[in-house]
Amino acid sequence: GITFPMDLNVKMKAVMIGACFLIDFMFFEHAGDNQQRTGV
């Protein structure tokens, strides 16, 4: 889930969507093989 101010620039809203995908790949893409990262 992503929340942001209604009046935030739409370009920055799009970048926040991109940030969500990057976070998913970095920290949660391992969930199915028990090698999920737990930190930096």
PDB file of all heavy atoms in Angstrom:
ATOM      1  N   GLY A   1       0.835  -1.179   0.000  1.00  0.00           N
ATOM      2  CA  GLY A   1       0.000   0.000   0.000  1.00  0.00           C
ATOM      3  C   GLY A   1       0.877   1.239   0.000  1.00  0.00           C
ATOM      4  O   GLY A   1       1.909   1.267   0.676  1.00  0.00           O
ATOM      5  N   ILE A   2       0.500   2.240  -0.777  1.00  0.00           N
ATOM      6  CA  ILE A   2       1.248   3.501  -0.843  1.00  0.00           C
ATOM      7  C   ILE A   2       0.281   4.635  -0.526  1.00  0.00           C
ATOM      8  O   ILE A   2      -0.799   4.717  -1.111  1.00  0.00           O
ATOM      9  CB  ILE A   2       1.863   3.738  -2.229  1.00  0.00           C
ATOM     10  CG1 ILE A   2       2.711   2.542  -2.669  1.00  0.00           C
ATOM     11  CG2 ILE A   2       2.699   5.007  -2.237  1.00  0.00           C
ATOM     12  CD1 ILE A   2       3.259   2.674  -4.090  1.00  0.00           C
ATOM     13  N   THR A   3       0.656   5.504   0.390  1.00  0.00           N
ATOM     14  CA  THR A   3      -0.117   6.712   0.664  1.00  0.00           C
ATOM     15  C   THR A   3       0.770   7.923   0.425  1.00  0.00           C
ATOM     16  O   THR A   3       1.967   7.898   0.709  1.00  0.00           O
ATOM     17  CB  THR A   3      -0.645   6.735   2.105  1.00  0.00           C
ATOM     18  OG1 THR A   3       0.454   6.648   3.021  1.00  0.00           O
ATOM     19  CG2 THR A   3      -1.587   5.569   2.362  1.00  0.00           C
ATOM     20  N   PHE A   4       0.167   8.968  -0.112  1.00  0.00           N
ATOM     21  CA  PHE A   4       0.890  10.210  -0.369  1.00  0.00           C
ATOM     22  C   PHE A   4      -0.116  11.354  -0.364  1.00  0.00           C
ATOM     23  O   PHE A   4      -1.335  11.141  -0.472  1.00  0.00           O
ATOM     24  CB  PHE A   4       1.650  10.168  -1.695  1.00  0.00           C
ATOM     25  CG  PHE A   4       0.951   9.428  -2.814  1.00  0.00           C
ATOM     26  CD1 PHE A   4      -0.279   9.856  -3.308  1.00  0.00           C
ATOM     27  CD2 PHE A   4       1.518   8.296  -3.369  1.00  0.00           C
ATOM     28  CE1 PHE A   4      -0.913   9.186  -4.332  1.00  0.00           C
ATOM     29  CE2 PHE A   4       0.882   7.605  -4.402  1.00  0.00           C
ATOM     30  CZ  PHE A   4      -0.330   8.059  -4.880  1.00  0.00           C
ATOM     31  N   PRO A   5       0.348  12.598  -0.223  1.00  0.00           N
ATOM     32  CA  PRO A   5      -0.581  13.733  -0.226  1.00  0.00           C
ATOM     33  C   PRO A   5      -1.322  13.829  -1.560  1.00  0.00           C
ATOM     34  O   PRO A   5      -0.749  13.580  -2.618  1.00  0.00           O
ATOM     35  CB  PRO A   5       0.337  14.946  -0.017  1.00  0.00           C
ATOM     36  CG  PRO A   5       1.571  14.388   0.618  1.00  0.00           C
ATOM     37  CD  PRO A   5       1.741  13.014   0.047  1.00  0.00           C
ATOM     38  N   MET A   6      -2.596  14.185  -1.492  1.00  0.00           N
ATOM     39  CA  MET A   6      -3.387  14.312  -2.710  1.00  0.00           C
ATOM     40  C   MET A   6      -2.778  15.329  -3.668  1.00  0.00           C
ATOM     41  O   MET A   6      -2.811  15.165  -4.893  1.00  0.00           O
ATOM     42  CB  MET A   6      -4.824  14.718  -2.363  1.00  0.00           C
ATOM     43  CG  MET A   6      -5.749  14.821  -3.551  1.00  0.00           C
ATOM     44  SD  MET A   6      -6.180  13.205  -4.270  1.00  0.00           S
ATOM     45  CE  MET A   6      -7.392  12.654  -3.066  1.00  0.00           C
ATOM     46  N   ASP A   7      -2.199  16.409  -3.115  1.00  0.00           N
ATOM     47  CA  ASP A   7      -1.672  17.476  -3.965  1.00  0.00           C
ATOM     48  C   ASP A   7      -0.205  17.294  -4.329  1.00  0.00           C
ATOM     49  O   ASP A   7       0.410  18.200  -4.905  1.00  0.00           O
ATOM     50  CB  ASP A   7      -1.860  18.833  -3.294  1.00  0.00           C
ATOM     51  CG  ASP A   7      -1.161  18.921  -1.935  1.00  0.00           C
ATOM     52  OD1 ASP A   7      -0.625  17.900  -1.467  1.00  0.00           O
ATOM     53  OD2 ASP A   7      -1.153  20.017  -1.342  1.00  0.00           O
ATOM     54  N   LEU A   8       0.373  16.138  -4.027  1.00  0.00           N
ATOM     55  CA  LEU A   8       1.753  15.879  -4.429  1.00  0.00           C
ATOM     56  C   LEU A   8       1.841  15.845  -5.948  1.00  0.00           C
ATOM     57  O   LEU A   8       0.953  15.332  -6.632  1.00  0.00           O
ATOM     58  CB  LEU A   8       2.234  14.549  -3.845  1.00  0.00           C
ATOM     59  CG  LEU A   8       3.685  14.145  -4.135  1.00  0.00           C
ATOM     60  CD1 LEU A   8       4.664  15.095  -3.451  1.00  0.00           C
ATOM     61  CD2 LEU A   8       3.943  12.700  -3.679  1.00  0.00           C
ATOM     62  N   ASN A   9       2.916  16.392  -6.489  1.00  0.00           N
ATOM     63  CA  ASN A   9       3.136  16.379  -7.932  1.00  0.00           C
ATOM     64  C   ASN A   9       2.996  14.953  -8.479  1.00  0.00           C
ATOM     65  O   ASN A   9       3.552  14.005  -7.923  1.00  0.00           O
ATOM     66  CB  ASN A   9       4.538  16.923  -8.234  1.00  0.00           C
ATOM     67  CG  ASN A   9       4.800  17.091  -9.713  1.00  0.00           C
ATOM     68  OD1 ASN A   9       4.780  16.137 -10.484  1.00  0.00           O
ATOM     69  ND2 ASN A   9       5.067  18.317 -10.132  1.00  0.00           N
ATOM     70  N   VAL A  10       2.238  14.787  -9.581  1.00  0.00           N
ATOM     71  CA  VAL A  10       1.977  13.447 -10.110  1.00  0.00           C
ATOM     72  C   VAL A  10       3.266  12.742 -10.514  1.00  0.00           C
ATOM     73  O   VAL A  10       3.351  11.506 -10.453  1.00  0.00           O
ATOM     74  CB  VAL A  10       1.000  13.491 -11.303  1.00  0.00           C
ATOM     75  CG1 VAL A  10      -0.376  13.891 -10.864  1.00  0.00           C
ATOM     76  CG2 VAL A  10       1.515  14.406 -12.397  1.00  0.00           C
ATOM     77  N   LYS A  11       4.279  13.499 -10.909  1.00  0.00           N
ATOM     78  CA  LYS A  11       5.547  12.873 -11.265  1.00  0.00           C
ATOM     79  C   LYS A  11       6.176  12.216 -10.037  1.00  0.00           C
ATOM     80  O   LYS A  11       6.741  11.119 -10.123  1.00  0.00           O
ATOM     81  CB  LYS A  11       6.502  13.909 -11.859  1.00  0.00           C
ATOM     82  CG  LYS A  11       6.031  14.497 -13.186  1.00  0.00           C
ATOM     83  CD  LYS A  11       7.026  15.529 -13.702  1.00  0.00           C
ATOM     84  CE  LYS A  11       6.562  16.157 -15.004  1.00  0.00           C
ATOM     85  NZ  LYS A  11       7.532  17.171 -15.507  1.00  0.00           N
ATOM     86  N   MET A  12       6.079  12.878  -8.877  1.00  0.00           N
ATOM     87  CA  MET A  12       6.632  12.304  -7.659  1.00  0.00           C
ATOM     88  C   MET A  12       5.790  11.125  -7.170  1.00  0.00           C
ATOM     89  O   MET A  12       6.308  10.195  -6.554  1.00  0.00           O
ATOM     90  CB  MET A  12       6.744  13.376  -6.579  1.00  0.00           C
ATOM     91  CG  MET A  12       7.742  14.489  -6.914  1.00  0.00           C
ATOM     92  SD  MET A  12       9.413  13.857  -7.281  1.00  0.00           S
ATOM     93  CE  MET A  12       9.421  13.870  -9.087  1.00  0.00           C
ATOM     94  N   LYS A  13       4.480  11.157  -7.450  1.00  0.00           N
ATOM     95  CA  LYS A  13       3.655   9.996  -7.138  1.00  0.00           C
ATOM     96  C   LYS A  13       4.111   8.791  -7.968  1.00  0.00           C
ATOM     97  O   LYS A  13       4.185   7.666  -7.462  1.00  0.00           O
ATOM     98  CB  LYS A  13       2.184  10.297  -7.416  1.00  0.00           C
ATOM     99  CG  LYS A  13       1.553  11.288  -6.446  1.00  0.00           C
ATOM    100  CD  LYS A  13       0.074  11.495  -6.753  1.00  0.00           C
ATOM    101  CE  LYS A  13      -0.575  12.478  -5.780  1.00  0.00           C
ATOM    102  NZ  LYS A  13      -2.019  12.667  -6.042  1.00  0.00           N
ATOM    103  N   ALA A  14       4.432   9.035  -9.233  1.00  0.00           N
ATOM    104  CA  ALA A  14       4.933   7.956 -10.085  1.00  0.00           C
ATOM    105  C   ALA A  14       6.269   7.436  -9.574  1.00  0.00           C
ATOM    106  O   ALA A  14       6.530   6.226  -9.598  1.00  0.00           O
ATOM    107  CB  ALA A  14       5.070   8.450 -11.529  1.00  0.00           C
ATOM    108  N   VAL A  15       7.123   8.340  -9.082  1.00  0.00           N
ATOM    109  CA  VAL A  15       8.418   7.907  -8.545  1.00  0.00           C
ATOM    110  C   VAL A  15       8.220   7.102  -7.270  1.00  0.00           C
ATOM    111  O   VAL A  15       8.955   6.133  -7.012  1.00  0.00           O
ATOM    112  CB  VAL A  15       9.329   9.126  -8.298  1.00  0.00           C
ATOM    113  CG1 VAL A  15      10.661   8.680  -7.703  1.00  0.00           C
ATOM    114  CG2 VAL A  15       9.579   9.874  -9.598  1.00  0.00           C
ATOM    115  N   MET A  16       7.217   7.433  -6.467  1.00  0.00           N
ATOM    116  CA  MET A  16       6.936   6.640  -5.275  1.00  0.00           C
ATOM    117  C   MET A  16       6.477   5.232  -5.638  1.00  0.00           C
ATOM    118  O   MET A  16       6.798   4.262  -4.949  1.00  0.00           O
ATOM    119  CB  MET A  16       5.895   7.343  -4.404  1.00  0.00           C
ATOM    120  CG  MET A  16       6.452   8.505  -3.594  1.00  0.00           C
ATOM    121  SD  MET A  16       5.278   9.185  -2.400  1.00  0.00           S
ATOM    122  CE  MET A  16       5.006   7.767  -1.333  1.00  0.00           C
ATOM    123  N   ILE A  17       5.731   5.102  -6.729  1.00  0.00           N
ATOM    124  CA  ILE A  17       5.373   3.764  -7.207  1.00  0.00           C
ATOM    125  C   ILE A  17       6.636   2.996  -7.573  1.00  0.00           C
ATOM    126  O   ILE A  17       6.793   1.813  -7.235  1.00  0.00           O
ATOM    127  CB  ILE A  17       4.416   3.865  -8.412  1.00  0.00           C
ATOM    128  CG1 ILE A  17       3.077   4.469  -7.972  1.00  0.00           C
ATOM    129  CG2 ILE A  17       4.200   2.501  -9.055  1.00  0.00           C
ATOM    130  CD1 ILE A  17       2.113   4.728  -9.122  1.00  0.00           C
ATOM    131  N   GLY A  18       7.566   3.671  -8.253  1.00  0.00           N
ATOM    132  CA  GLY A  18       8.840   3.035  -8.580  1.00  0.00           C
ATOM    133  C   GLY A  18       9.609   2.625  -7.338  1.00  0.00           C
ATOM    134  O   GLY A  18      10.215   1.547  -7.287  1.00  0.00           O
ATOM    135  N   ALA A  19       9.588   3.461  -6.293  1.00  0.00           N
ATOM    136  CA  ALA A  19      10.273   3.138  -5.052  1.00  0.00           C
ATOM    137  C   ALA A  19       9.697   1.874  -4.426  1.00  0.00           C
ATOM    138  O   ALA A  19      10.429   1.046  -3.872  1.00  0.00           O
ATOM    139  CB  ALA A  19      10.173   4.304  -4.072  1.00  0.00           C
ATOM    140  N   CYS A  20       8.388   1.706  -4.533  1.00  0.00           N
ATOM    141  CA  CYS A  20       7.750   0.505  -3.988  1.00  0.00           C
ATOM    142  C   CYS A  20       8.261  -0.752  -4.679  1.00  0.00           C
ATOM    143  O   CYS A  20       8.562  -1.754  -4.032  1.00  0.00           O
ATOM    144  CB  CYS A  20       6.234   0.627  -4.139  1.00  0.00           C
ATOM    145  SG  CYS A  20       5.319  -0.761  -3.453  1.00  0.00           S
ATOM    146  N   PHE A  21       8.390  -0.713  -5.995  1.00  0.00           N
ATOM    147  CA  PHE A  21       8.901  -1.873  -6.726  1.00  0.00           C
ATOM    148  C   PHE A  21      10.353  -2.161  -6.352  1.00  0.00           C
ATOM    149  O   PHE A  21      10.742  -3.323  -6.204  1.00  0.00           O
ATOM    150  CB  PHE A  21       8.767  -1.658  -8.231  1.00  0.00           C
ATOM    151  CG  PHE A  21       7.355  -1.792  -8.740  1.00  0.00           C
ATOM    152  CD1 PHE A  21       6.679  -0.700  -9.258  1.00  0.00           C
ATOM    153  CD2 PHE A  21       6.706  -3.006  -8.706  1.00  0.00           C
ATOM    154  CE1 PHE A  21       5.377  -0.811  -9.722  1.00  0.00           C
ATOM    155  CE2 PHE A  21       5.407  -3.143  -9.170  1.00  0.00           C
ATOM    156  CZ  PHE A  21       4.733  -2.040  -9.676  1.00  0.00           C
ATOM    157  N   LEU A  22      11.162  -1.120  -6.212  1.00  0.00           N
ATOM    158  CA  LEU A  22      12.557  -1.326  -5.831  1.00  0.00           C
ATOM    159  C   LEU A  22      12.643  -1.958  -4.447  1.00  0.00           C
ATOM    160  O   LEU A  22      13.428  -2.895  -4.232  1.00  0.00           O
ATOM    161  CB  LEU A  22      13.312   0.001  -5.860  1.00  0.00           C
ATOM    162  CG  LEU A  22      14.803  -0.066  -5.500  1.00  0.00           C
ATOM    163  CD1 LEU A  22      15.561  -0.973  -6.461  1.00  0.00           C
ATOM    164  CD2 LEU A  22      15.414   1.337  -5.496  1.00  0.00           C
ATOM    165  N   ILE A  23      11.847  -1.485  -3.499  1.00  0.00           N
ATOM    166  CA  ILE A  23      11.834  -2.053  -2.152  1.00  0.00           C
ATOM    167  C   ILE A  23      11.394  -3.510  -2.197  1.00  0.00           C
ATOM    168  O   ILE A  23      11.943  -4.371  -1.497  1.00  0.00           O
ATOM    169  CB  ILE A  23      10.913  -1.215  -1.245  1.00  0.00           C
ATOM    170  CG1 ILE A  23      11.574   0.133  -0.943  1.00  0.00           C
ATOM    171  CG2 ILE A  23      10.589  -1.953   0.047  1.00  0.00           C
ATOM    172  CD1 ILE A  23      10.657   1.128  -0.250  1.00  0.00           C
ATOM    173  N   ASP A  24      10.405  -3.823  -3.017  1.00  0.00           N
ATOM    174  CA  ASP A  24       9.947  -5.207  -3.145  1.00  0.00           C
ATOM    175  C   ASP A  24      11.080  -6.120  -3.595  1.00  0.00           C
ATOM    176  O   ASP A  24      11.333  -7.170  -2.992  1.00  0.00           O
ATOM    177  CB  ASP A  24       8.786  -5.267  -4.141  1.00  0.00           C
ATOM    178  CG  ASP A  24       8.252  -6.688  -4.328  1.00  0.00           C
ATOM    179  OD1 ASP A  24       8.316  -7.473  -3.370  1.00  0.00           O
ATOM    180  OD2 ASP A  24       7.761  -6.998  -5.431  1.00  0.00           O
ATOM    181  N   PHE A  25      11.791  -5.723  -4.642  1.00  0.00           N
ATOM    182  CA  PHE A  25      12.881  -6.563  -5.145  1.00  0.00           C
ATOM    183  C   PHE A  25      14.018  -6.669  -4.136  1.00  0.00           C
ATOM    184  O   PHE A  25      14.623  -7.726  -3.978  1.00  0.00           O
ATOM    185  CB  PHE A  25      13.408  -6.007  -6.473  1.00  0.00           C
ATOM    186  CG  PHE A  25      12.670  -6.504  -7.679  1.00  0.00           C
ATOM    187  CD1 PHE A  25      11.458  -5.942  -8.044  1.00  0.00           C
ATOM    188  CD2 PHE A  25      13.174  -7.544  -8.450  1.00  0.00           C
ATOM    189  CE1 PHE A  25      10.768  -6.390  -9.155  1.00  0.00           C
ATOM    190  CE2 PHE A  25      12.487  -8.015  -9.560  1.00  0.00           C
ATOM    191  CZ  PHE A  25      11.274  -7.434  -9.917  1.00  0.00           C
ATOM    192  N   MET A  26      14.320  -5.596  -3.436  1.00  0.00           N
ATOM    193  CA  MET A  26      15.463  -5.600  -2.526  1.00  0.00           C
ATOM    194  C   MET A  26      15.227  -6.443  -1.279  1.00  0.00           C
ATOM    195  O   MET A  26      16.136  -7.131  -0.805  1.00  0.00           O
ATOM    196  CB  MET A  26      15.816  -4.166  -2.120  1.00  0.00           C
ATOM    197  CG  MET A  26      16.469  -3.346  -3.206  1.00  0.00           C
ATOM    198  SD  MET A  26      16.953  -1.707  -2.615  1.00  0.00           S
ATOM    199  CE  MET A  26      18.177  -2.134  -1.363  1.00  0.00           C
ATOM    200  N   PHE A  27      14.000  -6.404  -0.746  1.00  0.00           N
ATOM    201  CA  PHE A  27      13.780  -6.984   0.572  1.00  0.00           C
ATOM    202  C   PHE A  27      12.760  -8.113   0.631  1.00  0.00           C
ATOM    203  O   PHE A  27      12.746  -8.861   1.617  1.00  0.00           O
ATOM    204  CB  PHE A  27      13.347  -5.882   1.554  1.00  0.00           C
ATOM    205  CG  PHE A  27      14.378  -4.816   1.759  1.00  0.00           C
ATOM    206  CD1 PHE A  27      14.232  -3.578   1.168  1.00  0.00           C
ATOM    207  CD2 PHE A  27      15.509  -5.060   2.520  1.00  0.00           C
ATOM    208  CE1 PHE A  27      15.191  -2.587   1.348  1.00  0.00           C
ATOM    209  CE2 PHE A  27      16.472  -4.085   2.709  1.00  0.00           C
ATOM    210  CZ  PHE A  27      16.310  -2.846   2.126  1.00  0.00           C
ATOM    211  N   PHE A  28      11.912  -8.279  -0.377  1.00  0.00           N
ATOM    212  CA  PHE A  28      10.816  -9.238  -0.238  1.00  0.00           C
ATOM    213  C   PHE A  28      10.724 -10.248  -1.373  1.00  0.00           C
ATOM    214  O   PHE A  28       9.883 -11.131  -1.331  1.00  0.00           O
ATOM    215  CB  PHE A  28       9.489  -8.482  -0.121  1.00  0.00           C
ATOM    216  CG  PHE A  28       9.478  -7.496   1.002  1.00  0.00           C
ATOM    217  CD1 PHE A  28       9.503  -6.129   0.733  1.00  0.00           C
ATOM    218  CD2 PHE A  28       9.466  -7.915   2.313  1.00  0.00           C
ATOM    219  CE1 PHE A  28       9.504  -5.210   1.766  1.00  0.00           C
ATOM    220  CE2 PHE A  28       9.465  -7.006   3.357  1.00  0.00           C
ATOM    221  CZ  PHE A  28       9.483  -5.644   3.087  1.00  0.00           C
ATOM    222  N   GLU A  29      11.558 -10.155  -2.369  1.00  0.00           N
ATOM    223  CA  GLU A  29      11.479 -11.074  -3.500  1.00  0.00           C
ATOM    224  C   GLU A  29      11.971 -12.463  -3.136  1.00  0.00           C
ATOM    225  O   GLU A  29      11.714 -13.428  -3.840  1.00  0.00           O
ATOM    226  CB  GLU A  29      12.286 -10.508  -4.675  1.00  0.00           C
ATOM    227  CG  GLU A  29      12.139 -11.261  -5.989  1.00  0.00           C
ATOM    228  CD  GLU A  29      10.753 -11.125  -6.615  1.00  0.00           C
ATOM    229  OE1 GLU A  29       9.942 -10.349  -6.095  1.00  0.00           O
ATOM    230  OE2 GLU A  29      10.487 -11.816  -7.614  1.00  0.00           O
ATOM    231  N   HIS A  30      12.660 -12.610  -2.002  1.00  0.00           N
ATOM    232  CA  HIS A  30      13.183 -13.917  -1.576  1.00  0.00           C
ATOM    233  C   HIS A  30      12.186 -14.722  -0.767  1.00  0.00           C
ATOM    234  O   HIS A  30      12.490 -15.837  -0.376  1.00  0.00           O
ATOM    235  CB  HIS A  30      14.421 -13.719  -0.696  1.00  0.00           C
ATOM    236  CG  HIS A  30      15.701 -13.643  -1.459  1.00  0.00           C
ATOM    237  ND1 HIS A  30      16.086 -14.599  -2.365  1.00  0.00           N
ATOM    238  CD2 HIS A  30      16.696 -12.724  -1.438  1.00  0.00           C
ATOM    239  CE1 HIS A  30      17.278 -14.271  -2.868  1.00  0.00           C
ATOM    240  NE2 HIS A  30      17.656 -13.130  -2.331  1.00  0.00           N
ATOM    241  N   ALA A  31      11.013 -14.181  -0.487  1.00  0.00           N
ATOM    242  CA  ALA A  31      10.136 -14.774   0.528  1.00  0.00           C
ATOM    243  C   ALA A  31       9.832 -16.240   0.275  1.00  0.00           C
ATOM    244  O   ALA A  31       9.723 -17.032   1.202  1.00  0.00           O
ATOM    245  CB  ALA A  31       8.826 -13.986   0.611  1.00  0.00           C
ATOM    246  N   GLY A  32       9.704 -16.633  -0.989  1.00  0.00           N
ATOM    247  CA  GLY A  32       9.318 -17.997  -1.289  1.00  0.00           C
ATOM    248  C   GLY A  32      10.429 -19.013  -1.097  1.00  0.00           C
ATOM    249  O   GLY A  32      10.171 -20.213  -1.009  1.00  0.00           O
ATOM    250  N   ASP A  33      11.716 -18.594  -1.031  1.00  0.00           N
ATOM    251  CA  ASP A  33      12.797 -19.571  -0.884  1.00  0.00           C
ATOM    252  C   ASP A  33      13.545 -19.420   0.442  1.00  0.00           C
ATOM    253  O   ASP A  33      14.678 -19.864   0.589  1.00  0.00           O
ATOM    254  CB  ASP A  33      13.780 -19.470  -2.058  1.00  0.00           C
ATOM    255  CG  ASP A  33      14.383 -18.070  -2.191  1.00  0.00           C
ATOM    256  OD1 ASP A  33      14.227 -17.256  -1.259  1.00  0.00           O
ATOM    257  OD2 ASP A  33      14.999 -17.807  -3.236  1.00  0.00           O
ATOM    258  N   ASN A  34      12.888 -18.764   1.410  1.00  0.00           N
ATOM    259  CA  ASN A  34      13.427 -18.649   2.768  1.00  0.00           C
ATOM    260  C   ASN A  34      14.763 -17.945   2.846  1.00  0.00           C
ATOM    261  O   ASN A  34      15.558 -18.198   3.745  1.00  0.00           O
ATOM    262  CB  ASN A  34      13.555 -20.043   3.413  1.00  0.00           C
ATOM    263  CG  ASN A  34      12.213 -20.756   3.532  1.00  0.00           C
ATOM    264  OD1 ASN A  34      11.219 -20.135   3.874  1.00  0.00           O
ATOM    265  ND2 ASN A  34      12.193 -22.045   3.222  1.00  0.00           N
ATOM    266  N   GLN A  35      15.051 -17.058   1.903  1.00  0.00           N
ATOM    267  CA  GLN A  35      16.285 -16.285   1.944  1.00  0.00           C
ATOM    268  C   GLN A  35      15.999 -14.788   1.967  1.00  0.00           C
ATOM    269  O   GLN A  35      16.786 -13.983   1.495  1.00  0.00           O
ATOM    270  CB  GLN A  35      17.154 -16.616   0.717  1.00  0.00           C
ATOM    271  CG  GLN A  35      17.626 -18.053   0.686  1.00  0.00           C
ATOM    272  CD  GLN A  35      18.488 -18.336  -0.538  1.00  0.00           C
ATOM    273  OE1 GLN A  35      18.760 -17.454  -1.341  1.00  0.00           O
ATOM    274  NE2 GLN A  35      18.921 -19.567  -0.683  1.00  0.00           N
ATOM    275  N   GLN A  36      14.854 -14.426   2.534  1.00  0.00           N
ATOM    276  CA  GLN A  36      14.469 -13.023   2.557  1.00  0.00           C
ATOM    277  C   GLN A  36      15.479 -12.200   3.333  1.00  0.00           C
ATOM    278  O   GLN A  36      15.925 -12.578   4.410  1.00  0.00           O
ATOM    279  CB  GLN A  36      13.088 -12.883   3.197  1.00  0.00           C
ATOM    280  CG  GLN A  36      12.621 -11.434   3.297  1.00  0.00           C
ATOM    281  CD  GLN A  36      11.235 -11.338   3.871  1.00  0.00           C
ATOM    282  OE1 GLN A  36      10.419 -12.219   3.694  1.00  0.00           O
ATOM    283  NE2 GLN A  36      10.954 -10.244   4.559  1.00  0.00           N
ATOM    284  N   ARG A  37      15.836 -11.041   2.785  1.00  0.00           N
ATOM    285  CA  ARG A  37      16.726 -10.126   3.492  1.00  0.00           C
ATOM    286  C   ARG A  37      16.013  -9.545   4.699  1.00  0.00           C
ATOM    287  O   ARG A  37      14.820  -9.299   4.686  1.00  0.00           O
ATOM    288  CB  ARG A  37      17.156  -8.986   2.563  1.00  0.00           C
ATOM    289  CG  ARG A  37      17.998  -9.424   1.409  1.00  0.00           C
ATOM    290  CD  ARG A  37      18.416  -8.223   0.576  1.00  0.00           C
ATOM    291  NE  ARG A  37      19.242  -7.299   1.357  1.00  0.00           N
ATOM    292  CZ  ARG A  37      19.717  -6.157   0.862  1.00  0.00           C
ATOM    293  NH1 ARG A  37      19.426  -5.807  -0.370  1.00  0.00           N
ATOM    294  NH2 ARG A  37      20.474  -5.376   1.595  1.00  0.00           N
ATOM    295  N   THR A  38      16.757  -9.323   5.756  1.00  0.00           N
ATOM    296  CA  THR A  38      16.176  -8.751   6.967  1.00  0.00           C
ATOM    297  C   THR A  38      16.736  -7.369   7.273  1.00  0.00           C
ATOM    298  O   THR A  38      16.390  -6.778   8.283  1.00  0.00           O
ATOM    299  CB  THR A  38      16.438  -9.681   8.177  1.00  0.00           C
ATOM    300  OG1 THR A  38      17.856  -9.896   8.301  1.00  0.00           O
ATOM    301  CG2 THR A  38      15.736 -11.006   7.994  1.00  0.00           C
ATOM    302  N   GLY A  39      17.637  -6.851   6.437  1.00  0.00           N
ATOM    303  CA  GLY A  39      18.193  -5.537   6.669  1.00  0.00           C
ATOM    304  C   GLY A  39      19.184  -5.184   5.601  1.00  0.00           C
ATOM    305  O   GLY A  39      19.356  -5.891   4.604  1.00  0.00           O
ATOM    306  N   VAL A  40      19.892  -4.056   5.805  1.00  0.00           N
ATOM    307  CA  VAL A  40      20.802  -3.571   4.767  1.00  0.00           C
ATOM    308  C   VAL A  40      22.069  -4.409   4.674  1.00  0.00           C
ATOM    309  O   VAL A  40      22.801  -4.332   3.678  1.00  0.00           O
ATOM    310  CB  VAL A  40      21.172  -2.093   5.037  1.00  0.00           C
ATOM    311  CG1 VAL A  40      19.948  -1.221   4.895  1.00  0.00           C
ATOM    312  CG2 VAL A  40      21.804  -1.919   6.419  1.00  0.00           C
TER     313      VAL A  40
END
